[in-house]
N, C-alpha and C. Protein backbone atom coordinates (compact mmCIF):
# COMPACT_ATOMS: atom_id res chain seq x y z
N MET A 1 -56.65 20.79 -87.43
CA MET A 1 -55.39 21.15 -86.83
C MET A 1 -54.71 22.24 -87.63
N LYS A 2 -54.80 22.15 -88.97
CA LYS A 2 -54.16 23.14 -89.82
C LYS A 2 -54.78 24.52 -89.58
N ARG A 3 -56.10 24.57 -89.42
CA ARG A 3 -56.78 25.84 -89.18
C ARG A 3 -56.33 26.46 -87.86
N LEU A 4 -56.17 25.63 -86.85
CA LEU A 4 -55.72 26.13 -85.55
C LEU A 4 -54.33 26.73 -85.67
N PHE A 5 -53.44 26.03 -86.36
CA PHE A 5 -52.07 26.53 -86.54
C PHE A 5 -52.07 27.85 -87.32
N THR A 6 -52.91 27.94 -88.36
CA THR A 6 -53.00 29.17 -89.15
C THR A 6 -53.54 30.31 -88.31
N ARG A 7 -54.53 30.05 -87.46
CA ARG A 7 -55.08 31.09 -86.59
C ARG A 7 -54.05 31.57 -85.57
N VAL A 8 -53.27 30.66 -85.03
CA VAL A 8 -52.23 31.03 -84.07
C VAL A 8 -51.20 31.92 -84.76
N LYS A 9 -50.82 31.58 -86.00
CA LYS A 9 -49.86 32.40 -86.75
C LYS A 9 -50.45 33.79 -87.01
N LEU A 10 -51.73 33.83 -87.38
CA LEU A 10 -52.39 35.10 -87.68
C LEU A 10 -52.46 35.98 -86.43
N ILE A 11 -52.86 35.41 -85.32
CA ILE A 11 -52.95 36.17 -84.06
C ILE A 11 -51.56 36.66 -83.64
N GLY A 12 -50.55 35.82 -83.77
CA GLY A 12 -49.18 36.21 -83.42
C GLY A 12 -48.69 37.34 -84.32
N SER A 13 -48.98 37.24 -85.61
CA SER A 13 -48.55 38.29 -86.55
C SER A 13 -49.25 39.61 -86.26
N LEU A 14 -50.55 39.55 -85.96
CA LEU A 14 -51.28 40.78 -85.64
C LEU A 14 -50.76 41.41 -84.36
N GLY A 15 -50.45 40.59 -83.37
CA GLY A 15 -49.89 41.11 -82.12
C GLY A 15 -48.55 41.78 -82.35
N PHE A 16 -47.71 41.15 -83.17
CA PHE A 16 -46.41 41.71 -83.50
C PHE A 16 -46.57 43.04 -84.24
N LEU A 17 -47.50 43.10 -85.19
CA LEU A 17 -47.76 44.32 -85.95
C LEU A 17 -48.27 45.43 -85.04
N PHE A 18 -49.21 45.11 -84.16
CA PHE A 18 -49.77 46.10 -83.25
C PHE A 18 -48.69 46.67 -82.32
N THR A 19 -47.86 45.80 -81.79
CA THR A 19 -46.77 46.24 -80.93
C THR A 19 -45.82 47.16 -81.68
N GLY A 20 -45.53 46.80 -82.92
CA GLY A 20 -44.64 47.61 -83.74
C GLY A 20 -45.22 48.98 -84.03
N LEU A 21 -46.53 49.05 -84.29
CA LEU A 21 -47.15 50.34 -84.59
C LEU A 21 -47.20 51.25 -83.37
N CYS A 22 -47.40 50.68 -82.21
CA CYS A 22 -47.48 51.49 -80.99
C CYS A 22 -46.15 52.14 -80.64
N SER A 23 -45.08 51.42 -80.85
CA SER A 23 -43.77 51.95 -80.45
C SER A 23 -43.00 52.53 -81.63
N CYS A 24 -43.63 52.62 -82.78
CA CYS A 24 -42.94 53.01 -83.99
C CYS A 24 -42.37 54.42 -83.93
N ALA A 25 -43.14 55.40 -83.48
CA ALA A 25 -42.68 56.79 -83.50
C ALA A 25 -41.48 57.02 -82.61
N SER A 26 -41.55 56.58 -81.36
CA SER A 26 -40.42 56.80 -80.45
C SER A 26 -39.21 55.98 -80.88
N THR A 27 -39.42 54.80 -81.39
CA THR A 27 -38.32 53.97 -81.86
C THR A 27 -37.67 54.60 -83.08
N ALA A 28 -38.47 55.16 -83.97
CA ALA A 28 -37.93 55.81 -85.17
C ALA A 28 -37.05 56.99 -84.79
N VAL A 29 -37.48 57.79 -83.82
CA VAL A 29 -36.69 58.94 -83.37
C VAL A 29 -35.38 58.46 -82.75
N GLN A 30 -35.46 57.45 -81.88
CA GLN A 30 -34.25 56.91 -81.25
C GLN A 30 -33.29 56.35 -82.30
N ASN A 31 -33.84 55.65 -83.29
CA ASN A 31 -33.04 55.07 -84.34
C ASN A 31 -32.35 56.17 -85.15
N THR A 32 -33.10 57.19 -85.53
CA THR A 32 -32.53 58.29 -86.32
C THR A 32 -31.42 58.97 -85.55
N GLU A 33 -31.65 59.24 -84.27
CA GLU A 33 -30.65 59.93 -83.47
C GLU A 33 -29.40 59.06 -83.28
N SER A 34 -29.57 57.75 -83.16
CA SER A 34 -28.43 56.84 -83.08
C SER A 34 -27.60 56.88 -84.37
N LEU A 35 -28.31 56.83 -85.49
CA LEU A 35 -27.62 56.86 -86.77
C LEU A 35 -26.89 58.19 -86.98
N LEU A 36 -27.54 59.29 -86.60
CA LEU A 36 -26.91 60.60 -86.75
C LEU A 36 -25.63 60.67 -85.91
N SER A 37 -25.70 60.21 -84.68
CA SER A 37 -24.51 60.21 -83.81
C SER A 37 -23.41 59.34 -84.39
N ALA A 38 -23.78 58.16 -84.86
CA ALA A 38 -22.80 57.24 -85.45
C ALA A 38 -22.16 57.83 -86.71
N ALA A 39 -22.92 58.64 -87.42
CA ALA A 39 -22.42 59.24 -88.66
C ALA A 39 -21.53 60.46 -88.42
N GLY A 40 -21.51 60.96 -87.20
CA GLY A 40 -20.65 62.10 -86.90
C GLY A 40 -21.37 63.41 -86.65
N PHE A 41 -22.71 63.37 -86.55
CA PHE A 41 -23.45 64.58 -86.20
C PHE A 41 -23.18 64.90 -84.73
N ARG A 42 -23.08 66.17 -84.40
CA ARG A 42 -22.85 66.61 -83.02
C ARG A 42 -24.17 67.04 -82.40
N PRO A 43 -24.52 66.48 -81.25
CA PRO A 43 -25.72 66.96 -80.55
C PRO A 43 -25.39 68.24 -79.78
N GLU A 44 -26.26 69.22 -79.92
CA GLU A 44 -26.10 70.48 -79.19
C GLU A 44 -27.44 70.82 -78.55
N SER A 45 -27.39 71.42 -77.38
CA SER A 45 -28.64 71.77 -76.71
C SER A 45 -29.22 73.03 -77.32
N LEU A 46 -30.54 73.06 -77.37
CA LEU A 46 -31.24 74.25 -77.87
C LEU A 46 -31.28 75.28 -76.76
N SER A 47 -30.73 76.44 -77.03
CA SER A 47 -30.75 77.50 -76.03
C SER A 47 -30.86 78.84 -76.75
N PRO A 48 -31.33 79.87 -76.06
CA PRO A 48 -31.43 81.18 -76.70
C PRO A 48 -30.07 81.65 -77.24
N GLN A 49 -29.00 81.32 -76.56
CA GLN A 49 -27.67 81.73 -77.01
C GLN A 49 -27.28 81.03 -78.31
N ALA A 50 -27.81 79.85 -78.54
CA ALA A 50 -27.44 79.06 -79.72
C ALA A 50 -28.29 79.41 -80.93
N GLY A 51 -29.11 80.42 -80.84
CA GLY A 51 -29.93 80.81 -81.97
C GLY A 51 -31.22 80.03 -82.07
N LEU A 52 -31.97 80.02 -80.98
CA LEU A 52 -33.23 79.27 -80.91
C LEU A 52 -34.18 79.66 -82.04
N ALA A 53 -34.17 80.91 -82.45
CA ALA A 53 -35.06 81.36 -83.53
C ALA A 53 -34.78 80.60 -84.81
N THR A 54 -33.52 80.35 -85.11
CA THR A 54 -33.15 79.60 -86.31
C THR A 54 -33.67 78.17 -86.22
N TYR A 55 -33.51 77.54 -85.07
CA TYR A 55 -33.94 76.15 -84.90
C TYR A 55 -35.46 76.01 -84.94
N ASN A 56 -36.17 77.06 -84.57
CA ASN A 56 -37.64 77.01 -84.63
C ASN A 56 -38.13 76.96 -86.07
N GLN A 57 -37.31 77.38 -87.01
CA GLN A 57 -37.71 77.35 -88.42
C GLN A 57 -37.48 75.97 -89.05
N VAL A 58 -36.71 75.12 -88.39
CA VAL A 58 -36.41 73.79 -88.90
C VAL A 58 -37.54 72.84 -88.52
N THR A 59 -37.95 72.02 -89.46
CA THR A 59 -38.98 71.02 -89.20
C THR A 59 -38.44 69.98 -88.24
N PRO A 60 -39.12 69.77 -87.11
CA PRO A 60 -38.61 68.79 -86.14
C PRO A 60 -38.66 67.37 -86.71
N TYR A 61 -37.69 66.56 -86.28
CA TYR A 61 -37.60 65.14 -86.61
C TYR A 61 -37.38 64.86 -88.10
N GLU A 62 -36.78 65.83 -88.79
CA GLU A 62 -36.38 65.64 -90.18
C GLU A 62 -35.01 66.25 -90.38
N VAL A 63 -34.18 65.59 -91.16
CA VAL A 63 -32.87 66.15 -91.47
C VAL A 63 -33.06 67.19 -92.57
N GLU A 64 -32.60 68.41 -92.29
CA GLU A 64 -32.73 69.49 -93.25
C GLU A 64 -31.37 70.09 -93.55
N ARG A 65 -31.21 70.54 -94.78
CA ARG A 65 -29.96 71.15 -95.22
C ARG A 65 -30.09 72.67 -95.19
N ASP A 66 -29.04 73.32 -94.73
CA ASP A 66 -28.97 74.77 -94.71
C ASP A 66 -27.57 75.17 -95.16
N THR A 67 -27.41 76.42 -95.55
CA THR A 67 -26.09 76.91 -95.95
C THR A 67 -25.68 78.02 -95.00
N VAL A 68 -24.49 77.87 -94.41
CA VAL A 68 -23.94 78.87 -93.50
C VAL A 68 -22.54 79.23 -93.99
N ASN A 69 -22.35 80.50 -94.29
CA ASN A 69 -21.05 80.98 -94.80
C ASN A 69 -20.55 80.16 -95.99
N GLY A 70 -21.47 79.79 -96.87
CA GLY A 70 -21.11 79.04 -98.07
C GLY A 70 -20.90 77.55 -97.86
N HIS A 71 -21.09 77.05 -96.65
CA HIS A 71 -20.91 75.62 -96.35
C HIS A 71 -22.26 74.99 -96.04
N SER A 72 -22.44 73.76 -96.52
CA SER A 72 -23.66 73.02 -96.22
C SER A 72 -23.63 72.54 -94.77
N VAL A 73 -24.76 72.74 -94.10
CA VAL A 73 -24.92 72.26 -92.74
C VAL A 73 -26.24 71.51 -92.69
N TYR A 74 -26.23 70.35 -92.04
CA TYR A 74 -27.44 69.54 -91.91
C TYR A 74 -27.88 69.57 -90.46
N LEU A 75 -29.19 69.79 -90.26
CA LEU A 75 -29.75 69.91 -88.92
C LEU A 75 -30.88 68.91 -88.72
N TYR A 76 -30.94 68.37 -87.52
CA TYR A 76 -32.04 67.51 -87.10
C TYR A 76 -32.42 67.97 -85.70
N VAL A 77 -33.66 68.42 -85.53
CA VAL A 77 -34.10 68.99 -84.25
C VAL A 77 -35.05 68.03 -83.54
N ASP A 78 -34.73 67.74 -82.29
CA ASP A 78 -35.63 67.01 -81.40
C ASP A 78 -36.08 68.02 -80.35
N LYS A 79 -37.21 68.68 -80.61
CA LYS A 79 -37.69 69.74 -79.72
C LYS A 79 -38.10 69.20 -78.36
N GLU A 80 -38.55 67.95 -78.33
CA GLU A 80 -38.98 67.36 -77.06
C GLU A 80 -37.80 67.24 -76.09
N LYS A 81 -36.64 66.87 -76.61
CA LYS A 81 -35.44 66.74 -75.79
C LYS A 81 -34.65 68.04 -75.72
N GLY A 82 -34.97 68.98 -76.62
CA GLY A 82 -34.23 70.24 -76.66
C GLY A 82 -32.83 70.06 -77.24
N VAL A 83 -32.72 69.21 -78.26
CA VAL A 83 -31.42 68.90 -78.85
C VAL A 83 -31.49 69.10 -80.36
N VAL A 84 -30.41 69.64 -80.92
CA VAL A 84 -30.27 69.72 -82.37
C VAL A 84 -28.99 68.98 -82.73
N TYR A 85 -29.08 68.11 -83.75
CA TYR A 85 -27.92 67.40 -84.26
C TYR A 85 -27.41 68.17 -85.48
N VAL A 86 -26.13 68.49 -85.48
CA VAL A 86 -25.53 69.31 -86.53
C VAL A 86 -24.43 68.51 -87.21
N GLY A 87 -24.45 68.50 -88.55
CA GLY A 87 -23.41 67.80 -89.30
C GLY A 87 -23.12 68.48 -90.61
N ARG A 88 -21.98 68.16 -91.18
CA ARG A 88 -21.57 68.69 -92.48
C ARG A 88 -21.79 67.62 -93.55
N ASP A 89 -21.32 67.90 -94.76
CA ASP A 89 -21.53 66.99 -95.89
C ASP A 89 -21.05 65.57 -95.61
N GLN A 90 -19.85 65.44 -95.06
CA GLN A 90 -19.29 64.11 -94.81
C GLN A 90 -20.16 63.32 -93.83
N ALA A 91 -20.62 63.98 -92.78
CA ALA A 91 -21.48 63.31 -91.80
C ALA A 91 -22.81 62.91 -92.44
N TYR A 92 -23.36 63.79 -93.29
CA TYR A 92 -24.62 63.46 -93.94
C TYR A 92 -24.46 62.28 -94.90
N GLN A 93 -23.35 62.25 -95.64
CA GLN A 93 -23.11 61.13 -96.55
C GLN A 93 -23.00 59.81 -95.78
N ARG A 94 -22.34 59.85 -94.63
CA ARG A 94 -22.21 58.66 -93.79
C ARG A 94 -23.59 58.26 -93.24
N TYR A 95 -24.39 59.23 -92.83
CA TYR A 95 -25.75 58.97 -92.33
C TYR A 95 -26.57 58.29 -93.43
N ASP A 96 -26.49 58.81 -94.65
CA ASP A 96 -27.23 58.24 -95.77
C ASP A 96 -26.78 56.81 -96.03
N GLN A 97 -25.48 56.57 -95.94
CA GLN A 97 -24.94 55.22 -96.13
C GLN A 97 -25.46 54.27 -95.04
N LEU A 98 -25.47 54.74 -93.80
CA LEU A 98 -25.98 53.91 -92.70
C LEU A 98 -27.47 53.61 -92.88
N LEU A 99 -28.24 54.59 -93.34
CA LEU A 99 -29.67 54.37 -93.60
C LEU A 99 -29.87 53.27 -94.65
N ARG A 100 -29.08 53.35 -95.72
CA ARG A 100 -29.20 52.35 -96.79
C ARG A 100 -28.82 50.95 -96.29
N GLN A 101 -27.76 50.87 -95.49
CA GLN A 101 -27.35 49.58 -94.94
C GLN A 101 -28.43 49.01 -94.03
N GLN A 102 -29.03 49.88 -93.21
CA GLN A 102 -30.07 49.43 -92.31
C GLN A 102 -31.30 48.95 -93.09
N ALA A 103 -31.68 49.67 -94.13
CA ALA A 103 -32.83 49.28 -94.95
C ALA A 103 -32.57 47.93 -95.62
N ALA A 104 -31.36 47.73 -96.11
CA ALA A 104 -31.01 46.45 -96.75
C ALA A 104 -31.08 45.30 -95.74
N ALA A 105 -30.59 45.55 -94.53
CA ALA A 105 -30.63 44.51 -93.49
C ALA A 105 -32.07 44.19 -93.09
N GLU A 106 -32.91 45.22 -92.98
CA GLU A 106 -34.32 45.00 -92.64
C GLU A 106 -35.04 44.23 -93.74
N ASN A 107 -34.76 44.56 -95.00
CA ASN A 107 -35.37 43.83 -96.11
C ASN A 107 -34.94 42.37 -96.11
N ALA A 108 -33.66 42.12 -95.85
CA ALA A 108 -33.17 40.75 -95.80
C ALA A 108 -33.84 39.97 -94.67
N ALA A 109 -34.01 40.61 -93.51
CA ALA A 109 -34.66 39.95 -92.38
C ALA A 109 -36.13 39.65 -92.68
N GLU A 110 -36.81 40.60 -93.32
CA GLU A 110 -38.22 40.39 -93.67
C GLU A 110 -38.36 39.26 -94.68
N THR A 111 -37.46 39.21 -95.66
CA THR A 111 -37.49 38.14 -96.66
C THR A 111 -37.23 36.79 -96.02
N ALA A 112 -36.25 36.75 -95.13
CA ALA A 112 -35.94 35.49 -94.44
C ALA A 112 -37.12 35.02 -93.60
N TYR A 113 -37.79 35.96 -92.92
CA TYR A 113 -38.94 35.59 -92.09
C TYR A 113 -40.10 35.11 -92.96
N ALA A 114 -40.33 35.79 -94.08
CA ALA A 114 -41.41 35.37 -94.99
C ALA A 114 -41.12 33.97 -95.53
N ASN A 115 -39.86 33.71 -95.88
CA ASN A 115 -39.49 32.37 -96.37
C ASN A 115 -39.65 31.32 -95.28
N TYR A 116 -39.31 31.68 -94.05
CA TYR A 116 -39.47 30.78 -92.91
C TYR A 116 -40.95 30.41 -92.74
N LEU A 117 -41.83 31.42 -92.77
CA LEU A 117 -43.26 31.15 -92.63
C LEU A 117 -43.79 30.30 -93.78
N LYS A 118 -43.31 30.60 -94.97
CA LYS A 118 -43.73 29.83 -96.15
C LYS A 118 -43.30 28.37 -96.00
N ASN A 119 -42.09 28.15 -95.52
CA ASN A 119 -41.56 26.80 -95.32
C ASN A 119 -42.38 26.06 -94.27
N ILE A 120 -42.70 26.72 -93.18
CA ILE A 120 -43.52 26.10 -92.13
C ILE A 120 -44.89 25.73 -92.68
N ASP A 121 -45.47 26.65 -93.43
CA ASP A 121 -46.79 26.39 -94.03
C ASP A 121 -46.74 25.17 -94.94
N GLN A 122 -45.72 25.09 -95.78
CA GLN A 122 -45.59 23.96 -96.70
C GLN A 122 -45.38 22.66 -95.95
N ASN A 123 -44.55 22.67 -94.93
CA ASN A 123 -44.28 21.45 -94.16
C ASN A 123 -45.55 20.96 -93.45
N HIS A 124 -46.28 21.87 -92.85
CA HIS A 124 -47.49 21.46 -92.12
C HIS A 124 -48.60 21.08 -93.08
N SER A 125 -48.64 21.70 -94.25
CA SER A 125 -49.65 21.33 -95.24
C SER A 125 -49.43 19.89 -95.69
N LEU A 126 -48.18 19.51 -95.88
CA LEU A 126 -47.88 18.15 -96.33
C LEU A 126 -48.17 17.13 -95.23
N ASN A 127 -47.92 17.51 -93.97
CA ASN A 127 -48.10 16.58 -92.86
C ASN A 127 -49.54 16.42 -92.41
N TYR A 128 -50.38 17.41 -92.66
CA TYR A 128 -51.74 17.35 -92.12
C TYR A 128 -52.84 17.20 -93.15
N GLU A 129 -52.49 17.05 -94.38
CA GLU A 129 -53.55 16.90 -95.38
C GLU A 129 -53.93 15.47 -95.61
């Protein structure tokens, strides 16, 4: 019985991991864009009038820093949607803070889940041995 339970957990974990890997890229982009918006970045459409040549030099899907007229400007380009997110120092600092908070929450959730699985394993080991 213990082996069956362990196999079910293993198959469930692998299914969860596979699902996560398949949707990881699009989810990561959506997550980043949500955080940028929440931090105060402004979405602007990519157009020839907006300096498309400049945006083509920016690495897509990465926040990059540039200097314009002596001021720091942060850019994030989603070429697939034709959108660039633009923010200043304050927006970038808020984005960085949100990233750290999200990472801490994810780590706490992973730790809680690992402890939950460990507890289940211990309980079933005691009951079925």
